């Protein structure tokens, strides 16, 4: 009797499973999983930054004003974060991407703070640390959602 196409397909599938299976005594390879970052956790991080960290921001150096490009960076970051909050619940990938972009903008703002001597001291390090944490959370959340 001639084997049917279905029988051949089942046989090929079984052979492919054997080929991919670990050898006797080997442990199967485990892919590292990224932790799931809830969107609410990221939103909470940004809110903590704005309402708990920024109130401690020191006054600008005497006679120092914000350059126009610095103001543009801040406005762009705020608009990006508001867009992330508006779009994120419906389209989580876009929301996390926008939050990551906001974190990159915050990094640029922190570096600009020290480059223009806007704030004396090391306040820019606190901003840069917050930017790194928030950007990292958003990037991990985005990567986790892109893998699904």
Protein backbone atom coordinates (compact mmCIF):
# COMPACT_ATOMS: atom_id res chain seq x y z
CA UNK A 1 0.00 0.00 0.00
CA UNK A 2 1.32 3.46 -0.94
CA UNK A 3 1.68 5.91 1.96
CA UNK A 4 -0.58 8.93 1.83
CA UNK A 5 0.59 12.53 1.85
CA UNK A 6 -0.72 12.91 5.38
CA UNK A 7 1.39 9.97 6.58
CA UNK A 8 4.50 11.41 4.91
CA UNK A 9 3.84 14.82 6.47
CA UNK A 10 3.49 13.25 9.92
CA UNK A 11 6.69 11.27 9.39
CA UNK A 12 8.62 14.38 8.30
CA UNK A 13 7.29 16.34 11.25
CA UNK A 14 8.38 13.59 13.64
CA UNK A 15 11.86 13.55 12.09
CA UNK A 16 12.13 17.35 12.40
CA UNK A 17 11.16 17.14 16.07
CA UNK A 18 13.84 14.48 16.63
CA UNK A 19 16.40 16.67 14.85
CA UNK A 20 15.59 19.67 17.06
CA UNK A 21 15.42 17.63 20.28
CA UNK A 22 18.43 17.68 22.62
CA UNK A 23 20.70 14.64 22.65
CA UNK A 24 20.36 12.13 25.43
CA UNK A 25 21.71 13.65 28.63
CA UNK A 26 21.72 17.23 27.31
CA UNK A 27 19.55 19.79 28.94
CA UNK A 28 17.36 21.82 26.60
CA UNK A 29 18.60 25.33 25.92
CA UNK A 30 16.62 27.96 27.80
CA UNK A 31 16.10 31.34 26.24
CA UNK A 32 16.47 34.21 28.63
CA UNK A 33 13.19 36.01 29.13
CA UNK A 34 12.92 39.68 29.75
CA UNK A 35 10.87 40.65 32.78
CA UNK A 36 7.45 42.00 32.00
CA UNK A 37 7.33 45.73 32.58
CA UNK A 38 3.76 46.91 33.16
CA UNK A 39 2.89 50.20 31.52
CA UNK A 40 1.53 51.49 34.83
CA UNK A 41 4.96 50.91 36.41
CA UNK A 42 6.61 53.02 33.72
CA UNK A 43 3.99 55.75 34.08
CA UNK A 44 4.58 55.68 37.83
CA UNK A 45 8.31 56.09 37.27
CA UNK A 46 7.79 59.17 35.12
CA UNK A 47 5.34 60.63 37.65
CA UNK A 48 7.81 60.07 40.48
CA UNK A 49 10.44 61.83 38.39
CA UNK A 50 8.21 64.84 37.76
CA UNK A 51 6.57 65.18 41.15
CA UNK A 52 9.21 63.84 43.54
CA UNK A 53 12.56 64.48 41.86
CA UNK A 54 12.13 67.71 39.93
CA UNK A 55 10.99 69.74 42.95
CA UNK A 56 14.53 69.30 44.31
CA UNK A 57 16.08 70.73 41.14
CA UNK A 58 18.42 73.57 42.10
CA UNK A 59 17.95 77.08 40.79
CA UNK A 60 19.81 77.91 37.58
CA UNK A 61 23.20 79.54 37.90
CA UNK A 62 22.98 83.30 38.46
CA UNK A 63 22.37 85.16 35.20
CA UNK A 64 21.78 81.90 33.30
CA UNK A 65 18.81 81.63 31.00
CA UNK A 66 17.52 78.66 29.06
CA UNK A 67 18.66 78.62 25.45
CA UNK A 68 15.86 78.27 22.87
CA UNK A 69 17.04 74.81 21.85
CA UNK A 70 16.94 73.72 25.51
CA UNK A 71 13.35 74.86 25.82
CA UNK A 72 12.56 73.06 22.54
CA UNK A 73 14.06 69.85 23.97
CA UNK A 74 11.94 70.10 27.12
CA UNK A 75 8.74 70.82 25.18
CA UNK A 76 9.46 67.95 22.76
CA UNK A 77 10.05 65.57 25.67
CA UNK A 78 6.81 66.58 27.40
CA UNK A 79 4.81 66.22 24.17
CA UNK A 80 6.44 62.82 23.53
CA UNK A 81 5.55 61.59 27.03
CA UNK A 82 1.98 62.87 26.79
CA UNK A 83 1.64 61.09 23.44
CA UNK A 84 3.01 57.91 25.05
CA UNK A 85 0.44 58.18 27.83
CA UNK A 86 -2.37 58.79 25.35
CA UNK A 87 -1.43 56.07 22.86
CA UNK A 88 0.10 53.52 25.24
CA UNK A 89 -3.09 51.91 26.58
CA UNK A 90 -4.32 51.09 23.06
CA UNK A 91 -0.98 50.44 21.34
CA UNK A 92 1.55 49.34 23.93
CA UNK A 93 4.45 49.00 21.48
CA UNK A 94 4.05 52.60 20.32
CA UNK A 95 3.59 53.81 23.89
CA UNK A 96 6.75 52.11 25.12
CA UNK A 97 8.65 53.36 22.07
CA UNK A 98 7.55 56.93 22.73
CA UNK A 99 8.46 56.59 26.43
CA UNK A 100 11.92 55.37 25.42
CA UNK A 101 12.27 58.36 23.09
CA UNK A 102 11.26 60.62 25.99
CA UNK A 103 14.00 59.03 28.08
CA UNK A 104 16.56 59.71 25.37
CA UNK A 105 15.39 63.34 25.26
CA UNK A 106 15.75 63.54 29.05
CA UNK A 107 19.32 62.27 28.67
CA UNK A 108 20.01 65.03 26.16
CA UNK A 109 18.52 67.59 28.54
CA UNK A 110 20.72 66.34 31.41
CA UNK A 111 23.87 66.53 29.30
CA UNK A 112 22.83 69.98 28.03
CA UNK A 113 22.48 71.09 31.67
CA UNK A 114 26.14 70.47 32.34
CA UNK A 115 27.32 71.58 28.89
CA UNK A 116 25.74 75.02 29.28
CA UNK A 117 26.49 75.32 33.03
CA UNK A 118 22.77 75.82 33.58
CA UNK A 119 22.93 74.20 37.01
CA UNK A 120 25.99 74.35 39.17
CA UNK A 121 27.06 71.14 40.83
CA UNK A 122 26.11 67.63 39.85
CA UNK A 123 22.35 67.86 39.47
CA UNK A 124 22.74 66.70 35.89
CA UNK A 125 23.95 63.31 37.21
CA UNK A 126 20.65 62.82 39.04
CA UNK A 127 18.76 63.69 35.85
CA UNK A 128 20.97 61.41 33.78
CA UNK A 129 20.49 58.53 36.25
CA UNK A 130 16.72 58.96 36.16
CA UNK A 131 16.86 59.12 32.36
CA UNK A 132 18.87 55.90 32.19
CA UNK A 133 16.47 54.06 34.49
CA UNK A 134 13.33 55.28 32.70
CA UNK A 135 14.79 54.67 29.24
CA UNK A 136 15.89 51.19 30.31
CA UNK A 137 12.44 50.33 31.66
CA UNK A 138 10.79 51.55 28.47
CA UNK A 139 13.29 49.67 26.28
CA UNK A 140 12.81 46.41 28.19
CA UNK A 141 9.03 46.83 28.02
CA UNK A 142 9.22 47.50 24.29
CA UNK A 143 11.52 44.53 23.65
CA UNK A 144 9.24 42.26 25.65
CA UNK A 145 6.22 43.34 23.62
CA UNK A 146 8.04 43.02 20.30
CA UNK A 147 8.90 39.40 21.12
CA UNK A 148 5.25 38.42 21.49
